[in-house]
Amino acid sequence: MAEENAAVEKQFSIQKIYTKDLSFETPNSPKTFTLQWEPVVDFNLGTNVEHLEDSLYEVVLSVTITVKSGETTAYLAEVKQAGIFSLGGFTEQELGPMLGSFCPNILFPYARETISDIVARGGFPQMLLAPVNFDALYAQHLQQAQQSAGSETLN
């Protein structure tokens, strides 16, 4: 009887981390290399979660960097850094932050390194991405979802 009342132990483990997709384009080379370097960076993040089976989830962090020098696109770099995570004993409310914030936070350094490496190999100055506060992004995502749900019920 005491075993039935015992709290379910939470378990988290990383099963695999891998690069799912990688793209690098320099649409205006070699002309780009002859222009004065005045980079303007556009940085986009996205996540996708897929429930694989039982307690296994794939989390994919998409990072897209578009850099222009003046009006000319110098390069576009995109990486989809993925991981398979095992999460057991978590409630539905706990799974959201784990999959939407904690797991992407684990994946980001790998994506950051991949972007830095591919940009340098492309002949450009190293691109070091600043740290990202995934907790704040997740909270913002929840707030936007609540606002859009609220506006749909008003219509």
N, C-alpha and C. Protein backbone atom coordinates (compact mmCIF):
# COMPACT_ATOMS: atom_id res chain seq x y z
N MET A 1 0.82 -1.19 0.00
CA MET A 1 0.00 0.00 0.00
C MET A 1 0.86 1.26 0.00
N ALA A 2 1.94 1.22 0.78
CA ALA A 2 2.83 2.37 0.83
C ALA A 2 3.49 2.60 -0.53
N GLU A 3 3.74 1.52 -1.26
CA GLU A 3 4.35 1.65 -2.58
C GLU A 3 3.42 2.34 -3.56
N GLU A 4 2.11 2.10 -3.43
CA GLU A 4 1.14 2.72 -4.32
C GLU A 4 1.08 4.23 -4.09
N ASN A 5 1.24 4.65 -2.85
CA ASN A 5 1.17 6.07 -2.52
C ASN A 5 2.47 6.82 -2.78
N ALA A 6 3.53 6.09 -3.05
CA ALA A 6 4.82 6.74 -3.29
C ALA A 6 4.73 7.59 -4.55
N ALA A 7 5.36 8.75 -4.51
CA ALA A 7 5.36 9.64 -5.66
C ALA A 7 6.14 9.00 -6.80
N VAL A 8 5.65 9.25 -8.01
CA VAL A 8 6.32 8.73 -9.19
C VAL A 8 7.63 9.50 -9.36
N GLU A 9 8.70 8.77 -9.50
CA GLU A 9 10.00 9.41 -9.65
C GLU A 9 10.15 9.96 -11.06
N LYS A 10 10.60 11.21 -11.14
CA LYS A 10 10.82 11.84 -12.44
C LYS A 10 12.18 11.40 -12.97
N GLN A 11 12.19 11.07 -14.25
CA GLN A 11 13.42 10.63 -14.89
C GLN A 11 13.61 11.41 -16.18
N PHE A 12 14.82 11.89 -16.36
CA PHE A 12 15.18 12.62 -17.58
C PHE A 12 16.52 12.10 -18.06
N SER A 13 16.61 11.81 -19.35
CA SER A 13 17.90 11.44 -19.91
C SER A 13 17.96 11.82 -21.38
N ILE A 14 19.16 12.10 -21.81
CA ILE A 14 19.43 12.40 -23.22
C ILE A 14 19.77 11.08 -23.89
N GLN A 15 19.00 10.73 -24.91
CA GLN A 15 19.25 9.49 -25.64
C GLN A 15 20.23 9.72 -26.80
N LYS A 16 20.05 10.86 -27.48
CA LYS A 16 20.86 11.15 -28.67
C LYS A 16 20.76 12.63 -29.00
N ILE A 17 21.88 13.23 -29.39
CA ILE A 17 21.89 14.60 -29.92
C ILE A 17 22.53 14.53 -31.29
N TYR A 18 21.88 15.17 -32.28
CA TYR A 18 22.36 15.06 -33.66
C TYR A 18 21.92 16.27 -34.49
N THR A 19 22.64 16.50 -35.57
CA THR A 19 22.27 17.53 -36.53
C THR A 19 21.31 16.89 -37.52
N LYS A 20 20.09 17.39 -37.56
CA LYS A 20 19.06 16.82 -38.43
C LYS A 20 19.13 17.41 -39.83
N ASP A 21 19.47 18.70 -39.92
CA ASP A 21 19.55 19.37 -41.21
C ASP A 21 20.52 20.52 -41.09
N LEU A 22 21.25 20.79 -42.17
CA LEU A 22 22.23 21.86 -42.17
C LEU A 22 22.27 22.48 -43.56
N SER A 23 22.23 23.80 -43.61
CA SER A 23 22.24 24.50 -44.89
C SER A 23 23.08 25.77 -44.77
N PHE A 24 23.88 26.03 -45.80
CA PHE A 24 24.67 27.25 -45.86
C PHE A 24 24.68 27.73 -47.30
N GLU A 25 24.30 28.98 -47.50
CA GLU A 25 24.26 29.55 -48.85
C GLU A 25 24.95 30.90 -48.87
N THR A 26 25.71 31.14 -49.92
CA THR A 26 26.30 32.46 -50.18
C THR A 26 25.83 32.88 -51.58
N PRO A 27 24.61 33.39 -51.67
CA PRO A 27 24.00 33.64 -52.98
C PRO A 27 24.71 34.70 -53.82
N ASN A 28 25.49 35.56 -53.21
CA ASN A 28 26.13 36.64 -53.97
C ASN A 28 27.65 36.56 -53.95
N SER A 29 28.19 35.36 -53.73
CA SER A 29 29.64 35.25 -53.77
C SER A 29 30.07 35.04 -55.21
N PRO A 30 31.20 35.50 -55.61
CA PRO A 30 32.28 36.10 -54.84
C PRO A 30 32.13 37.61 -54.64
N LYS A 31 31.09 38.22 -55.25
CA LYS A 31 30.91 39.66 -55.13
C LYS A 31 30.87 40.11 -53.67
N THR A 32 30.24 39.31 -52.79
CA THR A 32 30.12 39.63 -51.37
C THR A 32 31.47 39.93 -50.73
N PHE A 33 32.49 39.19 -51.15
CA PHE A 33 33.82 39.33 -50.54
C PHE A 33 34.55 40.60 -50.98
N THR A 34 34.04 41.28 -52.02
CA THR A 34 34.68 42.51 -52.49
C THR A 34 34.03 43.76 -51.92
N LEU A 35 32.88 43.58 -51.24
CA LEU A 35 32.16 44.72 -50.69
C LEU A 35 32.67 45.04 -49.28
N GLN A 36 32.43 46.30 -48.86
CA GLN A 36 32.77 46.67 -47.48
C GLN A 36 31.88 45.87 -46.54
N TRP A 37 32.46 45.28 -45.51
CA TRP A 37 31.74 44.40 -44.59
C TRP A 37 31.00 45.22 -43.54
N GLU A 38 29.70 45.36 -43.71
CA GLU A 38 28.82 46.04 -42.76
C GLU A 38 27.64 45.12 -42.48
N PRO A 39 27.86 44.09 -41.68
CA PRO A 39 26.82 43.05 -41.52
C PRO A 39 25.61 43.50 -40.70
N VAL A 40 24.45 43.06 -41.20
CA VAL A 40 23.19 43.21 -40.49
C VAL A 40 22.65 41.79 -40.35
N VAL A 41 22.43 41.38 -39.11
CA VAL A 41 22.07 39.99 -38.82
C VAL A 41 20.59 39.85 -38.49
N ASP A 42 19.94 38.90 -39.14
CA ASP A 42 18.57 38.51 -38.82
C ASP A 42 18.64 37.11 -38.23
N PHE A 43 18.15 36.95 -37.00
CA PHE A 43 18.29 35.71 -36.24
C PHE A 43 16.89 35.18 -35.90
N ASN A 44 16.62 33.94 -36.28
CA ASN A 44 15.32 33.33 -36.00
C ASN A 44 15.50 31.98 -35.33
N LEU A 45 14.66 31.72 -34.33
CA LEU A 45 14.65 30.45 -33.61
C LEU A 45 13.28 29.81 -33.72
N GLY A 46 13.27 28.50 -33.71
CA GLY A 46 12.01 27.78 -33.66
C GLY A 46 12.24 26.41 -33.04
N THR A 47 11.20 25.84 -32.49
CA THR A 47 11.30 24.49 -31.94
C THR A 47 10.13 23.65 -32.42
N ASN A 48 10.38 22.36 -32.49
CA ASN A 48 9.34 21.41 -32.84
C ASN A 48 9.53 20.19 -31.96
N VAL A 49 8.43 19.67 -31.44
CA VAL A 49 8.48 18.50 -30.57
C VAL A 49 7.62 17.40 -31.17
N GLU A 50 8.17 16.21 -31.20
CA GLU A 50 7.42 15.05 -31.66
C GLU A 50 7.50 13.95 -30.61
N HIS A 51 6.33 13.45 -30.22
CA HIS A 51 6.28 12.34 -29.27
C HIS A 51 6.54 11.06 -30.06
N LEU A 52 7.63 10.38 -29.76
CA LEU A 52 8.02 9.19 -30.52
C LEU A 52 7.32 7.94 -30.01
N GLU A 53 7.48 7.66 -28.74
CA GLU A 53 6.84 6.50 -28.11
C GLU A 53 7.02 6.60 -26.61
N ASP A 54 6.11 6.01 -25.87
CA ASP A 54 6.17 6.00 -24.41
C ASP A 54 6.71 7.32 -23.86
N SER A 55 7.92 7.30 -23.33
CA SER A 55 8.48 8.50 -22.71
C SER A 55 9.55 9.17 -23.59
N LEU A 56 9.62 8.79 -24.88
CA LEU A 56 10.63 9.35 -25.78
C LEU A 56 10.05 10.49 -26.63
N TYR A 57 10.82 11.58 -26.69
CA TYR A 57 10.43 12.75 -27.46
C TYR A 57 11.61 13.22 -28.30
N GLU A 58 11.32 13.64 -29.53
CA GLU A 58 12.34 14.31 -30.34
C GLU A 58 12.05 15.81 -30.26
N VAL A 59 13.07 16.58 -29.91
CA VAL A 59 12.97 18.03 -29.88
C VAL A 59 13.94 18.54 -30.94
N VAL A 60 13.43 19.40 -31.84
CA VAL A 60 14.26 19.97 -32.90
C VAL A 60 14.30 21.49 -32.70
N LEU A 61 15.51 22.01 -32.56
CA LEU A 61 15.74 23.44 -32.45
C LEU A 61 16.23 23.93 -33.80
N SER A 62 15.46 24.83 -34.42
CA SER A 62 15.84 25.41 -35.72
C SER A 62 16.43 26.79 -35.49
N VAL A 63 17.63 27.01 -36.01
CA VAL A 63 18.30 28.30 -35.92
C VAL A 63 18.60 28.76 -37.34
N THR A 64 18.10 29.94 -37.70
CA THR A 64 18.33 30.49 -39.03
C THR A 64 18.97 31.87 -38.88
N ILE A 65 20.08 32.06 -39.57
CA ILE A 65 20.81 33.32 -39.56
C ILE A 65 20.88 33.82 -41.00
N THR A 66 20.41 35.03 -41.23
CA THR A 66 20.56 35.67 -42.53
C THR A 66 21.39 36.93 -42.29
N VAL A 67 22.49 37.04 -43.02
CA VAL A 67 23.38 38.19 -42.85
C VAL A 67 23.46 38.95 -44.18
N LYS A 68 23.17 40.24 -44.08
CA LYS A 68 23.28 41.12 -45.24
C LYS A 68 24.37 42.14 -44.98
N SER A 69 25.04 42.53 -46.03
CA SER A 69 25.98 43.63 -45.97
C SER A 69 25.43 44.68 -46.92
N GLY A 70 24.91 45.75 -46.35
CA GLY A 70 24.16 46.71 -47.15
C GLY A 70 22.85 46.04 -47.57
N GLU A 71 22.58 46.05 -48.86
CA GLU A 71 21.36 45.41 -49.38
C GLU A 71 21.64 44.02 -49.93
N THR A 72 22.90 43.61 -49.89
CA THR A 72 23.30 42.33 -50.47
C THR A 72 23.31 41.24 -49.42
N THR A 73 22.66 40.13 -49.70
CA THR A 73 22.70 38.99 -48.79
C THR A 73 24.07 38.35 -48.88
N ALA A 74 24.77 38.35 -47.76
CA ALA A 74 26.11 37.74 -47.71
C ALA A 74 25.98 36.23 -47.56
N TYR A 75 25.19 35.79 -46.57
CA TYR A 75 24.99 34.35 -46.39
C TYR A 75 23.73 34.06 -45.60
N LEU A 76 23.30 32.84 -45.75
CA LEU A 76 22.18 32.30 -45.00
C LEU A 76 22.65 30.98 -44.42
N ALA A 77 22.56 30.84 -43.11
CA ALA A 77 22.96 29.60 -42.44
C ALA A 77 21.78 29.09 -41.62
N GLU A 78 21.50 27.81 -41.76
CA GLU A 78 20.40 27.22 -41.00
C GLU A 78 20.82 25.85 -40.49
N VAL A 79 20.52 25.61 -39.22
CA VAL A 79 20.78 24.29 -38.64
C VAL A 79 19.53 23.86 -37.88
N LYS A 80 19.22 22.59 -38.02
CA LYS A 80 18.17 21.97 -37.22
C LYS A 80 18.88 20.97 -36.32
N GLN A 81 19.08 21.41 -35.08
CA GLN A 81 19.77 20.58 -34.08
C GLN A 81 18.70 19.81 -33.32
N ALA A 82 18.86 18.50 -33.27
CA ALA A 82 17.82 17.67 -32.67
C ALA A 82 18.36 16.82 -31.54
N GLY A 83 17.43 16.39 -30.72
CA GLY A 83 17.78 15.47 -29.65
C GLY A 83 16.61 14.56 -29.36
N ILE A 84 16.93 13.37 -28.92
CA ILE A 84 15.91 12.44 -28.44
C ILE A 84 16.08 12.38 -26.94
N PHE A 85 14.99 12.70 -26.24
CA PHE A 85 15.01 12.79 -24.79
C PHE A 85 13.99 11.82 -24.20
N SER A 86 14.37 11.22 -23.10
CA SER A 86 13.47 10.36 -22.35
C SER A 86 13.00 11.13 -21.12
N LEU A 87 11.68 11.29 -21.00
CA LEU A 87 11.10 12.00 -19.87
C LEU A 87 10.02 11.13 -19.25
N GLY A 88 10.27 10.66 -18.06
CA GLY A 88 9.32 9.80 -17.38
C GLY A 88 8.88 10.38 -16.05
N GLY A 89 7.62 10.18 -15.71
CA GLY A 89 7.10 10.63 -14.42
C GLY A 89 6.71 12.09 -14.37
N PHE A 90 6.71 12.79 -15.49
CA PHE A 90 6.34 14.20 -15.51
C PHE A 90 4.85 14.34 -15.82
N THR A 91 4.20 15.31 -15.18
CA THR A 91 2.80 15.60 -15.49
C THR A 91 2.75 16.35 -16.82
N GLU A 92 1.56 16.49 -17.39
CA GLU A 92 1.40 17.24 -18.64
C GLU A 92 1.88 18.68 -18.47
N GLN A 93 1.59 19.27 -17.30
CA GLN A 93 2.01 20.65 -17.05
C GLN A 93 3.52 20.77 -16.93
N GLU A 94 4.19 19.73 -16.47
CA GLU A 94 5.65 19.76 -16.35
C GLU A 94 6.33 19.45 -17.68
N LEU A 95 5.67 18.67 -18.53
CA LEU A 95 6.27 18.32 -19.82
C LEU A 95 6.45 19.55 -20.71
N GLY A 96 5.50 20.49 -20.67
CA GLY A 96 5.59 21.69 -21.51
C GLY A 96 6.90 22.43 -21.33
N PRO A 97 7.23 22.86 -20.10
CA PRO A 97 8.50 23.57 -19.90
C PRO A 97 9.73 22.70 -20.18
N MET A 98 9.64 21.42 -19.90
CA MET A 98 10.78 20.54 -20.16
C MET A 98 11.07 20.48 -21.67
N LEU A 99 10.02 20.28 -22.46
CA LEU A 99 10.19 20.14 -23.91
C LEU A 99 10.33 21.48 -24.61
N GLY A 100 9.72 22.52 -24.05
CA GLY A 100 9.73 23.83 -24.70
C GLY A 100 10.85 24.75 -24.26
N SER A 101 11.51 24.43 -23.15
CA SER A 101 12.57 25.30 -22.64
C SER A 101 13.84 24.53 -22.28
N PHE A 102 13.69 23.53 -21.42
CA PHE A 102 14.86 22.81 -20.91
C PHE A 102 15.61 22.08 -22.04
N CYS A 103 14.90 21.33 -22.86
CA CYS A 103 15.56 20.58 -23.95
C CYS A 103 16.18 21.51 -25.00
N PRO A 104 15.46 22.56 -25.47
CA PRO A 104 16.11 23.48 -26.41
C PRO A 104 17.36 24.14 -25.82
N ASN A 105 17.35 24.39 -24.52
CA ASN A 105 18.51 24.96 -23.85
C ASN A 105 19.71 24.02 -23.92
N ILE A 106 19.47 22.73 -23.87
CA ILE A 106 20.53 21.73 -24.02
C ILE A 106 21.05 21.71 -25.45
N LEU A 107 20.15 21.86 -26.42
CA LEU A 107 20.52 21.77 -27.84
C LEU A 107 21.23 23.02 -28.37
N PHE A 108 20.94 24.18 -27.78
CA PHE A 108 21.46 25.44 -28.33
C PHE A 108 22.98 25.50 -28.46
N PRO A 109 23.76 25.08 -27.47
CA PRO A 109 25.22 25.16 -27.66
C PRO A 109 25.72 24.35 -28.87
N TYR A 110 25.07 23.25 -29.16
CA TYR A 110 25.45 22.45 -30.33
C TYR A 110 25.13 23.21 -31.62
N ALA A 111 23.95 23.81 -31.67
CA ALA A 111 23.56 24.60 -32.83
C ALA A 111 24.47 25.81 -32.99
N ARG A 112 24.79 26.44 -31.89
CA ARG A 112 25.68 27.61 -31.89
C ARG A 112 27.04 27.26 -32.48
N GLU A 113 27.59 26.12 -32.05
CA GLU A 113 28.90 25.68 -32.55
C GLU A 113 28.84 25.35 -34.04
N THR A 114 27.77 24.71 -34.46
CA THR A 114 27.61 24.34 -35.86
C THR A 114 27.53 25.59 -36.74
N ILE A 115 26.74 26.58 -36.32
CA ILE A 115 26.63 27.83 -37.07
C ILE A 115 27.99 28.51 -37.15
N SER A 116 28.68 28.62 -36.04
CA SER A 116 29.99 29.26 -36.01
C SER A 116 30.96 28.58 -36.97
N ASP A 117 30.98 27.26 -36.95
CA ASP A 117 31.89 26.49 -37.78
C ASP A 117 31.57 26.66 -39.26
N ILE A 118 30.31 26.54 -39.64
CA ILE A 118 29.94 26.60 -41.05
C ILE A 118 30.14 28.00 -41.63
N VAL A 119 29.91 29.03 -40.82
CA VAL A 119 30.12 30.41 -41.29
C VAL A 119 31.61 30.66 -41.53
N ALA A 120 32.45 30.21 -40.61
CA ALA A 120 33.91 30.37 -40.78
C ALA A 120 34.39 29.59 -41.99
N ARG A 121 33.88 28.39 -42.20
CA ARG A 121 34.26 27.60 -43.37
C ARG A 121 33.80 28.25 -44.67
N GLY A 122 32.75 29.08 -44.57
CA GLY A 122 32.25 29.79 -45.74
C GLY A 122 33.07 31.03 -46.07
N GLY A 123 34.09 31.32 -45.26
CA GLY A 123 34.97 32.45 -45.56
C GLY A 123 34.58 33.75 -44.89
N PHE A 124 33.67 33.70 -43.95
CA PHE A 124 33.19 34.89 -43.28
C PHE A 124 33.73 34.96 -41.86
N PRO A 125 33.69 36.16 -41.25
CA PRO A 125 34.09 36.26 -39.85
C PRO A 125 33.22 35.35 -38.99
N GLN A 126 33.81 34.84 -37.94
CA GLN A 126 33.12 33.92 -37.05
C GLN A 126 31.82 34.53 -36.53
N MET A 127 30.76 33.72 -36.50
CA MET A 127 29.46 34.16 -35.99
C MET A 127 29.25 33.50 -34.63
N LEU A 128 29.34 34.29 -33.57
CA LEU A 128 29.10 33.77 -32.23
C LEU A 128 27.73 34.24 -31.76
N LEU A 129 26.82 33.32 -31.64
CA LEU A 129 25.47 33.66 -31.20
C LEU A 129 25.44 33.89 -29.70
N ALA A 130 24.74 34.91 -29.29
CA ALA A 130 24.59 35.21 -27.86
C ALA A 130 23.71 34.15 -27.21
N PRO A 131 23.89 33.93 -25.92
CA PRO A 131 23.01 32.98 -25.22
C PRO A 131 21.54 33.39 -25.35
N VAL A 132 20.67 32.41 -25.26
CA VAL A 132 19.24 32.64 -25.40
C VAL A 132 18.55 32.21 -24.10
N ASN A 133 17.60 33.01 -23.64
CA ASN A 133 16.82 32.69 -22.45
C ASN A 133 15.56 31.93 -22.90
N PHE A 134 15.67 30.61 -22.95
CA PHE A 134 14.55 29.79 -23.42
C PHE A 134 13.38 29.80 -22.44
N ASP A 135 13.64 30.03 -21.16
CA ASP A 135 12.55 30.13 -20.19
C ASP A 135 11.66 31.33 -20.54
N ALA A 136 12.29 32.46 -20.86
CA ALA A 136 11.53 33.67 -21.22
C ALA A 136 10.80 33.47 -22.54
N LEU A 137 11.44 32.83 -23.51
CA LEU A 137 10.78 32.58 -24.80
C LEU A 137 9.58 31.66 -24.63
N TYR A 138 9.73 30.64 -23.78
CA TYR A 138 8.62 29.72 -23.54
C TYR A 138 7.46 30.44 -22.86
N ALA A 139 7.77 31.27 -21.87
CA ALA A 139 6.73 32.05 -21.17
C ALA A 139 6.03 32.99 -22.15
N GLN A 140 6.78 33.60 -23.04
CA GLN A 140 6.21 34.50 -24.05
C GLN A 140 5.30 33.72 -24.99
N HIS A 141 5.72 32.52 -25.38
CA HIS A 141 4.92 31.67 -26.25
C HIS A 141 3.58 31.31 -25.57
N LEU A 142 3.64 30.96 -24.28
CA LEU A 142 2.41 30.64 -23.54
C LEU A 142 1.48 31.84 -23.47
N GLN A 143 2.05 33.01 -23.22
CA GLN A 143 1.26 34.23 -23.12
C GLN A 143 0.58 34.54 -24.45
N GLN A 144 1.31 34.40 -25.55
CA GLN A 144 0.72 34.64 -26.88
C GLN A 144 -0.38 33.63 -27.18
N ALA A 145 -0.18 32.37 -26.79
CA ALA A 145 -1.19 31.34 -27.01
C ALA A 145 -2.45 31.65 -26.22
N GLN A 146 -2.29 32.12 -24.98
CA GLN A 146 -3.44 32.48 -24.15
C GLN A 146 -4.18 33.68 -24.72
N GLN A 147 -3.42 34.66 -25.22
CA GLN A 147 -4.05 35.85 -25.80
C GLN A 147 -4.82 35.50 -27.07
N SER A 148 -4.24 34.66 -27.91
CA SER A 148 -4.93 34.30 -29.14
C SER A 148 -6.14 33.42 -28.85
N ALA A 149 -6.07 32.58 -27.82
CA ALA A 149 -7.22 31.77 -27.42
C ALA A 149 -8.32 32.68 -26.86
N GLY A 150 -7.92 33.69 -26.12
CA GLY A 150 -8.88 34.65 -25.56
C GLY A 150 -9.57 35.46 -26.64
N SER A 151 -8.83 35.86 -27.66
CA SER A 151 -9.43 36.66 -28.74
C SER A 151 -10.34 35.80 -29.61
N GLU A 152 -10.05 34.50 -29.72
CA GLU A 152 -10.92 33.61 -30.50
C GLU A 152 -12.25 33.40 -29.79
N THR A 153 -12.25 33.36 -28.47
CA THR A 153 -13.50 33.16 -27.74
C THR A 153 -14.35 34.42 -27.76
N LEU A 154 -13.73 35.59 -27.99
CA LEU A 154 -14.48 36.84 -28.06
C LEU A 154 -15.20 36.99 -29.40
N ASN A 155 -14.70 36.32 -30.42
CA ASN A 155 -15.28 36.46 -31.77
C ASN A 155 -16.50 35.63 -31.96
